[in-house]
Amino acid sequence: MSATGETTAARRDWPGLAGAGAAILLGGWMLHEASSFSDFAAVFPRTIATVMIAASLLLAGRIVLAPAVRPRAPGGSAGRRLALVAVAVAWVAAMPVAGFLAASLAGFLATMRVARFTPWSTRQAAFEGLAALAIVGGFYLVFEWGLGVPLPRGWLV
């Protein structure tokens, strides 16, 4: 019985199980796509896909074998959650059009904005923008030039 007098029974986390299944399928797709990369360029996607599949299998096993009592989650913002999904979808859709670098910089900044609870000051916005440029630019240089991973090219690069 909870502090509010409600009884909470152990139950399966069906959304978690569906998420684990989706992650396993995504990992399989990543392995398939990485098969067309050079051996050197495929190291990162294969590693991520393998770890994602293994972790998802462990999660699915835990959900199936040991139903859990989950406390009620504190209230959140459905709008922020939907905005995050919308940003992710727009980010992926923009890559073939704008290219990896431009789409990822815009997507990264938009994700930071959605995740932020308080408004940015001018100084914070400048710092966050520079940090985003450094992070996205660093990933671009590592993948494109260092590892030879073919990143999407668009009209902006």
Protein backbone atom coordinates (compact mmCIF):
# COMPACT_ATOMS: atom_id res chain seq x y z
CA MET A 1 0.00 0.00 0.00
CA SER A 2 1.35 3.44 -0.89
CA ALA A 3 1.51 6.53 1.30
CA THR A 4 -1.75 7.76 -0.22
CA GLY A 5 -3.55 4.55 0.70
CA GLU A 6 -3.56 3.13 -2.85
CA THR A 7 -2.49 -0.43 -3.41
CA THR A 8 0.10 -0.87 -6.09
CA ALA A 9 0.53 -4.29 -7.62
CA ALA A 10 3.54 -5.50 -9.54
CA ARG A 11 2.90 -5.27 -13.24
CA ARG A 12 4.73 -5.55 -16.49
CA ASP A 13 6.08 -2.44 -18.14
CA TRP A 14 4.51 -2.96 -21.55
CA PRO A 15 5.63 0.40 -22.96
CA GLY A 16 9.17 -0.39 -21.76
CA LEU A 17 9.00 -3.78 -23.45
CA ALA A 18 7.79 -2.16 -26.68
CA GLY A 19 10.63 0.38 -26.44
CA ALA A 20 13.17 -2.40 -25.92
CA GLY A 21 11.78 -4.21 -28.97
CA ALA A 22 11.99 -1.03 -31.05
CA ALA A 23 15.59 -0.48 -29.92
CA ILE A 24 16.48 -4.06 -30.90
CA LEU A 25 14.97 -3.51 -34.36
CA LEU A 26 16.79 -0.18 -34.70
CA GLY A 27 20.05 -1.84 -33.69
CA GLY A 28 19.51 -4.53 -36.31
CA TRP A 29 18.87 -1.87 -38.95
CA MET A 30 22.04 -0.04 -37.86
CA LEU A 31 24.07 -3.25 -38.25
CA HIS A 32 22.59 -3.77 -41.70
CA GLU A 33 23.38 -0.21 -42.78
CA ALA A 34 26.91 -0.38 -41.35
CA SER A 35 27.65 -3.42 -43.51
CA SER A 36 28.09 -1.07 -46.49
CA PHE A 37 30.70 1.07 -44.65
CA SER A 38 34.42 0.42 -44.69
CA ASP A 39 35.66 -1.71 -41.79
CA PHE A 40 37.15 1.36 -40.12
CA ALA A 41 34.05 3.53 -40.61
CA ALA A 42 31.73 0.77 -39.37
CA VAL A 43 33.40 0.40 -35.95
CA PHE A 44 31.33 3.09 -34.21
CA PRO A 45 27.87 2.20 -35.60
CA ARG A 46 28.46 -1.53 -35.06
CA THR A 47 29.60 -0.95 -31.49
CA ILE A 48 26.65 1.29 -30.66
CA ALA A 49 24.19 -1.11 -32.32
CA THR A 50 25.62 -4.13 -30.50
CA VAL A 51 25.54 -2.40 -27.10
CA MET A 52 22.02 -1.10 -27.78
CA ILE A 53 20.76 -4.57 -28.72
CA ALA A 54 22.42 -6.18 -25.68
CA ALA A 55 21.07 -3.56 -23.28
CA SER A 56 17.60 -3.84 -24.81
CA LEU A 57 17.65 -7.62 -24.47
CA LEU A 58 18.61 -7.26 -20.81
CA LEU A 59 15.81 -4.74 -20.26
CA ALA A 60 13.27 -6.97 -22.01
CA GLY A 61 14.39 -9.94 -19.93
CA ARG A 62 14.03 -7.97 -16.71
CA ILE A 63 10.57 -6.78 -17.68
CA VAL A 64 9.41 -10.27 -18.61
CA LEU A 65 10.98 -12.11 -15.67
CA ALA A 66 10.44 -9.60 -12.88
CA PRO A 67 7.39 -7.35 -13.05
CA ALA A 68 8.01 -4.26 -10.98
CA VAL A 69 6.04 -1.98 -8.74
CA ARG A 70 6.48 1.42 -10.28
CA PRO A 71 5.74 4.49 -8.24
CA ARG A 72 3.64 7.09 -9.89
CA ALA A 73 5.85 9.46 -11.84
CA PRO A 74 5.73 13.11 -10.88
CA GLY A 75 3.89 15.36 -13.29
CA GLY A 76 5.75 16.41 -16.38
CA SER A 77 5.13 18.49 -19.39
CA ALA A 78 3.51 16.62 -22.27
CA GLY A 79 4.21 19.62 -24.48
CA ARG A 80 7.94 19.42 -23.82
CA ARG A 81 7.95 15.70 -24.53
CA LEU A 82 6.08 16.19 -27.79
CA ALA A 83 8.37 19.08 -28.71
CA LEU A 84 11.41 16.85 -28.18
CA VAL A 85 9.95 14.19 -30.49
CA ALA A 86 9.09 16.88 -33.07
CA VAL A 87 12.64 18.27 -32.91
CA ALA A 88 14.12 14.79 -33.39
CA VAL A 89 11.86 14.09 -36.38
CA ALA A 90 12.63 17.48 -37.94
CA TRP A 91 16.35 16.96 -37.32
CA VAL A 92 16.36 13.64 -39.17
CA ALA A 93 14.18 15.00 -41.98
CA ALA A 94 16.44 18.03 -42.43
CA MET A 95 19.67 16.04 -42.82
CA PRO A 96 19.26 15.05 -46.48
CA VAL A 97 18.15 18.57 -47.38
CA ALA A 98 20.46 20.77 -45.30
CA GLY A 99 23.27 18.30 -44.70
CA PHE A 100 24.61 16.78 -41.50
CA LEU A 101 26.44 19.82 -40.18
CA ALA A 102 23.66 22.41 -40.61
CA ALA A 103 20.81 20.08 -39.58
CA SER A 104 22.70 18.80 -36.54
CA LEU A 105 23.63 22.27 -35.35
CA ALA A 106 20.00 23.43 -35.64
CA GLY A 107 18.70 20.19 -34.08
CA PHE A 108 21.20 20.34 -31.23
CA LEU A 109 20.30 23.96 -30.43
CA ALA A 110 16.57 23.20 -30.65
CA THR A 111 16.96 20.21 -28.32
CA MET A 112 18.85 22.35 -25.82
CA ARG A 113 16.10 24.97 -25.98
CA VAL A 114 13.32 22.42 -25.41
CA ALA A 115 15.23 20.85 -22.51
CA ARG A 116 15.88 24.17 -20.78
CA PHE A 117 13.43 25.12 -18.02
CA THR A 118 14.48 28.74 -17.67
CA PRO A 119 15.15 31.38 -20.33
CA TRP A 120 18.72 31.93 -21.46
CA SER A 121 20.52 35.13 -20.67
CA THR A 122 22.48 36.64 -23.55
CA ARG A 123 25.72 35.34 -22.06
CA GLN A 124 24.30 31.83 -21.54
CA ALA A 125 22.90 31.77 -25.08
CA ALA A 126 26.29 32.74 -26.50
CA PHE A 127 28.06 30.09 -24.43
CA GLU A 128 25.50 27.40 -25.32
CA GLY A 129 25.76 28.32 -29.01
CA LEU A 130 29.55 28.08 -28.95
CA ALA A 131 29.37 24.78 -27.06
CA ALA A 132 26.89 23.41 -29.62
CA LEU A 133 29.14 24.53 -32.48
CA ALA A 134 32.17 22.89 -30.85
CA ILE A 135 30.35 19.62 -30.13
CA VAL A 136 28.61 19.26 -33.49
CA GLY A 137 31.70 20.48 -35.35
CA GLY A 138 33.85 18.04 -33.42
CA PHE A 139 31.57 15.13 -34.27
CA TYR A 140 31.56 16.20 -37.90
CA LEU A 141 35.36 16.32 -38.06
CA VAL A 142 35.78 12.99 -36.27
CA PHE A 143 33.25 11.13 -38.39
CA GLU A 144 33.76 12.74 -41.79
CA TRP A 145 37.51 13.23 -41.81
CA GLY A 146 38.80 10.99 -39.04
CA LEU A 147 36.70 7.87 -39.54
CA GLY A 148 35.60 8.40 -43.15
CA VAL A 149 31.90 7.90 -42.32
CA PRO A 150 29.78 9.16 -45.23
CA LEU A 151 27.59 11.87 -43.68
CA PRO A 152 24.58 13.33 -45.50
CA ARG A 153 25.38 16.26 -47.77
CA GLY A 154 22.81 18.93 -48.41
CA TRP A 155 22.59 22.36 -49.87
CA LEU A 156 24.20 23.90 -46.77
CA VAL A 157 27.01 21.28 -46.44
